[in-house]
């Protein structure tokens, strides 16, 4: 249910893709500091990044804690292999939708 919307957001960073609005998700605006850290971490990463593949979802983590989901999405390289770079998100249920607060992209 979440994969398409979260993949579209991840692709904004990793491959510069644009996407149509997803009615299921309400994405919070990423603050400038977080955006710059993410861009730097991607630029400094030794491999080029690509779109998420089905492998990403096999290794990504989603944990319910204190009224929200904490999500770590494993990003993929340009060949479709899972990297050790993750995208952190916090997701709150908000009626029939989900409010997504994007966090850092980093190597844990």
N, C-alpha and C. Protein backbone atom coordinates (compact mmCIF):
# COMPACT_ATOMS: atom_id res chain seq x y z
N UNK A 1 0.82 -1.18 0.00
CA UNK A 1 0.00 0.00 0.00
C UNK A 1 0.87 1.26 0.00
N UNK A 2 1.97 1.27 0.74
CA UNK A 2 2.81 2.45 0.87
C UNK A 2 3.89 2.54 -0.20
N UNK A 3 4.24 1.44 -0.78
CA UNK A 3 5.44 1.37 -1.60
C UNK A 3 5.49 2.39 -2.73
N UNK A 4 4.41 2.53 -3.47
CA UNK A 4 4.42 3.43 -4.63
C UNK A 4 4.71 4.88 -4.21
N UNK A 5 4.03 5.35 -3.19
CA UNK A 5 4.23 6.73 -2.74
C UNK A 5 5.60 6.97 -2.14
N UNK A 6 6.07 6.02 -1.34
CA UNK A 6 7.39 6.17 -0.73
C UNK A 6 8.49 6.05 -1.78
N UNK A 7 8.30 5.17 -2.76
CA UNK A 7 9.28 5.05 -3.83
C UNK A 7 9.36 6.36 -4.62
N UNK A 8 8.22 6.95 -4.92
CA UNK A 8 8.21 8.21 -5.67
C UNK A 8 8.98 9.29 -4.92
N UNK A 9 8.82 9.33 -3.59
CA UNK A 9 9.56 10.32 -2.81
C UNK A 9 11.05 10.02 -2.83
N UNK A 10 11.42 8.76 -2.62
CA UNK A 10 12.84 8.39 -2.64
C UNK A 10 13.46 8.73 -3.99
N UNK A 11 12.72 8.51 -5.06
CA UNK A 11 13.24 8.79 -6.40
C UNK A 11 13.48 10.27 -6.64
N UNK A 12 12.79 11.13 -5.91
CA UNK A 12 13.06 12.56 -6.02
C UNK A 12 14.52 12.84 -5.67
N UNK A 13 15.02 12.19 -4.65
CA UNK A 13 16.41 12.36 -4.23
C UNK A 13 17.39 11.56 -5.09
N UNK A 14 17.08 10.31 -5.31
CA UNK A 14 18.09 9.42 -5.89
C UNK A 14 18.26 9.55 -7.39
N UNK A 15 17.19 9.82 -8.11
CA UNK A 15 17.30 9.92 -9.57
C UNK A 15 16.72 11.22 -10.10
N UNK A 16 16.31 12.12 -9.21
CA UNK A 16 15.78 13.40 -9.64
C UNK A 16 14.45 13.31 -10.35
N UNK A 17 13.71 12.24 -10.09
CA UNK A 17 12.42 12.03 -10.75
C UNK A 17 11.38 13.00 -10.20
N UNK A 18 10.37 13.23 -10.97
CA UNK A 18 9.21 13.98 -10.51
C UNK A 18 8.04 13.01 -10.48
N UNK A 19 7.09 13.30 -9.65
CA UNK A 19 5.96 12.38 -9.56
C UNK A 19 4.67 13.16 -9.37
N UNK A 20 3.59 12.51 -9.70
CA UNK A 20 2.28 13.11 -9.47
C UNK A 20 1.93 12.96 -7.99
N UNK A 21 1.05 13.81 -7.53
CA UNK A 21 0.64 13.76 -6.13
C UNK A 21 0.01 12.40 -5.82
N UNK A 22 0.29 11.91 -4.64
CA UNK A 22 -0.28 10.66 -4.18
C UNK A 22 -1.29 11.01 -3.10
N UNK A 23 -2.54 10.72 -3.33
CA UNK A 23 -3.60 11.13 -2.41
C UNK A 23 -3.53 10.45 -1.05
N UNK A 24 -2.83 9.33 -0.96
CA UNK A 24 -2.73 8.60 0.30
C UNK A 24 -1.79 9.28 1.29
N UNK A 25 -0.78 9.99 0.76
CA UNK A 25 0.26 10.57 1.61
C UNK A 25 0.22 12.09 1.62
N UNK A 26 0.49 12.64 2.79
CA UNK A 26 0.68 14.07 2.95
C UNK A 26 2.13 14.23 3.40
N UNK A 27 2.98 14.71 2.51
CA UNK A 27 4.40 14.83 2.83
C UNK A 27 4.69 16.19 3.45
N UNK A 28 5.36 16.17 4.59
CA UNK A 28 5.81 17.42 5.22
C UNK A 28 6.96 17.99 4.39
N UNK A 29 7.12 19.28 4.45
CA UNK A 29 8.22 19.93 3.74
C UNK A 29 9.52 19.59 4.44
N UNK A 30 10.52 19.22 3.66
CA UNK A 30 11.84 18.90 4.21
C UNK A 30 12.56 20.22 4.47
N UNK A 31 13.03 20.41 5.70
CA UNK A 31 13.71 21.67 6.01
C UNK A 31 15.04 21.75 5.26
N UNK A 32 15.52 22.97 5.09
CA UNK A 32 16.72 23.23 4.28
C UNK A 32 17.95 22.47 4.80
N UNK A 33 18.15 22.43 6.11
CA UNK A 33 19.32 21.72 6.67
C UNK A 33 19.29 20.24 6.32
N UNK A 34 18.13 19.62 6.50
CA UNK A 34 18.00 18.19 6.18
C UNK A 34 18.20 17.96 4.69
N UNK A 35 17.64 18.82 3.87
CA UNK A 35 17.78 18.69 2.42
C UNK A 35 19.26 18.77 2.01
N UNK A 36 20.00 19.71 2.59
CA UNK A 36 21.42 19.87 2.26
C UNK A 36 22.24 18.67 2.74
N UNK A 37 21.96 18.18 3.94
CA UNK A 37 22.67 17.00 4.45
C UNK A 37 22.41 15.81 3.53
N UNK A 38 21.15 15.63 3.12
CA UNK A 38 20.81 14.52 2.24
C UNK A 38 21.53 14.63 0.90
N UNK A 39 21.54 15.82 0.32
CA UNK A 39 22.24 16.02 -0.96
C UNK A 39 23.72 15.72 -0.82
N UNK A 40 24.33 16.17 0.27
CA UNK A 40 25.75 15.92 0.51
C UNK A 40 26.02 14.43 0.71
N UNK A 41 25.19 13.76 1.49
CA UNK A 41 25.39 12.33 1.72
C UNK A 41 25.25 11.52 0.43
N UNK A 42 24.34 11.92 -0.43
CA UNK A 42 24.19 11.24 -1.72
C UNK A 42 25.39 11.52 -2.61
N UNK A 43 25.83 12.79 -2.65
CA UNK A 43 26.98 13.16 -3.49
C UNK A 43 28.25 12.47 -3.02
N UNK A 44 28.40 12.29 -1.71
CA UNK A 44 29.60 11.66 -1.15
C UNK A 44 29.58 10.14 -1.22
N UNK A 45 28.42 9.57 -1.49
CA UNK A 45 28.31 8.12 -1.54
C UNK A 45 29.09 7.61 -2.75
N UNK A 46 29.86 6.54 -2.60
CA UNK A 46 30.75 6.11 -3.69
C UNK A 46 30.05 5.55 -4.93
N UNK A 47 28.82 5.09 -4.81
CA UNK A 47 28.10 4.51 -5.94
C UNK A 47 26.99 5.46 -6.39
N UNK A 48 26.66 5.40 -7.67
CA UNK A 48 25.50 6.15 -8.14
C UNK A 48 24.24 5.45 -7.64
N UNK A 49 23.20 6.22 -7.41
CA UNK A 49 21.96 5.65 -6.90
C UNK A 49 20.92 5.55 -8.01
N UNK A 50 19.98 4.64 -7.83
CA UNK A 50 18.91 4.43 -8.80
C UNK A 50 17.58 4.30 -8.09
N UNK A 51 16.57 3.97 -8.85
CA UNK A 51 15.23 3.78 -8.29
C UNK A 51 15.21 2.56 -7.36
N UNK A 52 14.28 2.59 -6.44
CA UNK A 52 14.10 1.44 -5.55
C UNK A 52 13.66 0.23 -6.36
N UNK A 53 14.10 -0.93 -5.94
CA UNK A 53 13.68 -2.18 -6.56
C UNK A 53 12.93 -3.01 -5.52
N UNK A 54 12.43 -4.15 -5.93
CA UNK A 54 11.71 -5.02 -4.99
C UNK A 54 12.64 -5.47 -3.86
N UNK A 55 13.94 -5.53 -4.11
CA UNK A 55 14.90 -5.90 -3.06
C UNK A 55 14.87 -4.91 -1.91
N UNK A 56 14.63 -3.64 -2.21
CA UNK A 56 14.58 -2.62 -1.16
C UNK A 56 13.56 -2.97 -0.09
N UNK A 57 12.42 -3.44 -0.54
CA UNK A 57 11.32 -3.70 0.40
C UNK A 57 11.57 -4.97 1.22
N UNK A 58 12.42 -5.85 0.74
CA UNK A 58 12.75 -7.07 1.49
C UNK A 58 13.64 -6.76 2.69
N UNK A 59 14.42 -5.68 2.61
CA UNK A 59 15.38 -5.39 3.67
C UNK A 59 15.05 -4.12 4.45
N UNK A 60 14.09 -3.34 4.00
CA UNK A 60 13.72 -2.10 4.70
C UNK A 60 12.99 -2.44 5.99
N UNK A 61 12.97 -1.47 6.90
CA UNK A 61 12.40 -1.69 8.23
C UNK A 61 11.26 -0.71 8.47
N UNK A 62 10.19 -1.21 9.08
CA UNK A 62 9.04 -0.40 9.44
C UNK A 62 8.59 -0.84 10.84
N UNK A 63 8.66 0.07 11.81
CA UNK A 63 8.35 -0.28 13.20
C UNK A 63 7.32 0.70 13.75
N UNK A 64 6.28 0.17 14.38
CA UNK A 64 5.28 1.00 15.05
C UNK A 64 5.78 1.33 16.45
N UNK A 65 5.84 2.63 16.78
CA UNK A 65 6.27 3.02 18.12
C UNK A 65 5.67 4.37 18.50
N UNK A 66 5.09 4.43 19.67
CA UNK A 66 4.56 5.67 20.23
C UNK A 66 3.64 6.43 19.28
N UNK A 67 2.74 5.74 18.60
CA UNK A 67 1.75 6.40 17.76
C UNK A 67 2.18 6.74 16.35
N UNK A 68 3.31 6.22 15.91
CA UNK A 68 3.75 6.48 14.54
C UNK A 68 4.61 5.32 14.04
N UNK A 69 4.82 5.31 12.73
CA UNK A 69 5.70 4.33 12.11
C UNK A 69 7.07 4.98 11.91
N UNK A 70 8.11 4.28 12.30
CA UNK A 70 9.47 4.68 11.97
C UNK A 70 9.91 3.78 10.83
N UNK A 71 10.35 4.39 9.74
CA UNK A 71 10.66 3.65 8.52
C UNK A 71 12.09 3.94 8.08
N UNK A 72 12.83 2.90 7.77
CA UNK A 72 14.15 3.01 7.14
C UNK A 72 14.06 2.27 5.81
N UNK A 73 14.17 3.01 4.72
CA UNK A 73 14.09 2.42 3.39
C UNK A 73 15.49 2.27 2.84
N UNK A 74 15.86 1.05 2.50
CA UNK A 74 17.17 0.79 1.90
C UNK A 74 17.16 1.28 0.46
N UNK A 75 18.08 2.18 0.15
CA UNK A 75 18.16 2.72 -1.21
C UNK A 75 18.96 1.78 -2.10
N UNK A 76 18.79 1.93 -3.41
CA UNK A 76 19.45 1.06 -4.39
C UNK A 76 20.46 1.84 -5.21
N UNK A 77 21.46 1.10 -5.70
CA UNK A 77 22.43 1.73 -6.59
C UNK A 77 21.90 1.72 -8.02
N UNK A 78 22.69 2.25 -8.93
CA UNK A 78 22.27 2.35 -10.32
C UNK A 78 22.06 1.02 -11.01
N UNK A 79 22.55 -0.07 -10.39
CA UNK A 79 22.38 -1.42 -10.95
C UNK A 79 21.20 -2.15 -10.33
N UNK A 80 20.51 -1.51 -9.37
CA UNK A 80 19.35 -2.12 -8.73
C UNK A 80 19.67 -2.90 -7.48
N UNK A 81 20.94 -2.88 -7.06
CA UNK A 81 21.33 -3.59 -5.84
C UNK A 81 21.10 -2.70 -4.62
N UNK A 82 20.70 -3.31 -3.52
CA UNK A 82 20.47 -2.57 -2.28
C UNK A 82 21.81 -2.08 -1.74
N UNK A 83 21.83 -0.82 -1.30
CA UNK A 83 23.03 -0.24 -0.70
C UNK A 83 22.88 -0.21 0.82
N UNK A 84 23.89 0.32 1.50
CA UNK A 84 23.78 0.50 2.94
C UNK A 84 23.28 1.91 3.29
N UNK A 85 22.91 2.68 2.28
CA UNK A 85 22.36 4.02 2.46
C UNK A 85 20.85 3.89 2.67
N UNK A 86 20.31 4.58 3.67
CA UNK A 86 18.88 4.49 3.97
C UNK A 86 18.23 5.87 3.96
N UNK A 87 16.94 5.86 3.71
CA UNK A 87 16.11 7.05 3.85
C UNK A 87 15.24 6.84 5.08
N UNK A 88 15.36 7.73 6.06
CA UNK A 88 14.58 7.65 7.29
C UNK A 88 13.31 8.47 7.13
N UNK A 89 12.18 7.93 7.59
CA UNK A 89 10.91 8.65 7.57
C UNK A 89 10.13 8.31 8.83
N UNK A 90 9.30 9.25 9.24
CA UNK A 90 8.34 9.01 10.31
C UNK A 90 6.96 9.19 9.69
N UNK A 91 6.07 8.24 9.92
CA UNK A 91 4.76 8.26 9.28
C UNK A 91 3.67 8.17 10.34
N UNK A 92 2.75 9.12 10.29
CA UNK A 92 1.61 9.17 11.21
C UNK A 92 0.33 8.86 10.44
N UNK A 93 -0.53 8.06 11.04
CA UNK A 93 -1.85 7.83 10.46
C UNK A 93 -2.67 9.09 10.71
N UNK A 94 -3.31 9.58 9.66
CA UNK A 94 -4.10 10.80 9.76
C UNK A 94 -5.41 10.60 9.01
N UNK A 95 -6.40 10.02 9.72
CA UNK A 95 -7.65 9.67 9.07
C UNK A 95 -7.41 8.58 8.04
N UNK A 96 -7.85 8.82 6.81
CA UNK A 96 -7.65 7.85 5.72
C UNK A 96 -6.30 8.04 5.03
N UNK A 97 -5.52 9.01 5.51
CA UNK A 97 -4.24 9.32 4.90
C UNK A 97 -3.09 9.07 5.87
N UNK A 98 -1.90 9.34 5.38
CA UNK A 98 -0.69 9.21 6.20
C UNK A 98 0.14 10.47 6.05
N UNK A 99 0.54 11.05 7.18
CA UNK A 99 1.43 12.21 7.16
C UNK A 99 2.86 11.68 7.24
N UNK A 100 3.67 12.03 6.26
CA UNK A 100 5.04 11.54 6.17
C UNK A 100 5.99 12.68 6.48
N UNK A 101 6.86 12.46 7.45
CA UNK A 101 7.89 13.43 7.78
C UNK A 101 9.22 12.83 7.35
N UNK A 102 9.73 13.28 6.20
CA UNK A 102 11.00 12.74 5.70
C UNK A 102 12.15 13.17 6.60
N UNK A 103 13.10 12.28 6.75
CA UNK A 103 14.27 12.58 7.56
C UNK A 103 15.54 12.49 6.75
N UNK A 104 16.59 12.05 7.40
CA UNK A 104 17.90 12.01 6.77
C UNK A 104 18.09 10.81 5.87
N UNK A 105 18.96 10.99 4.90
CA UNK A 105 19.50 9.89 4.09
C UNK A 105 20.92 9.70 4.60
N UNK A 106 21.23 8.49 5.06
CA UNK A 106 22.53 8.25 5.69
C UNK A 106 22.86 6.76 5.72
N UNK A 107 24.09 6.46 6.10
CA UNK A 107 24.49 5.07 6.35
C UNK A 107 24.44 4.87 7.86
N UNK A 108 23.55 3.98 8.33
CA UNK A 108 23.44 3.76 9.78
C UNK A 108 24.69 3.11 10.37
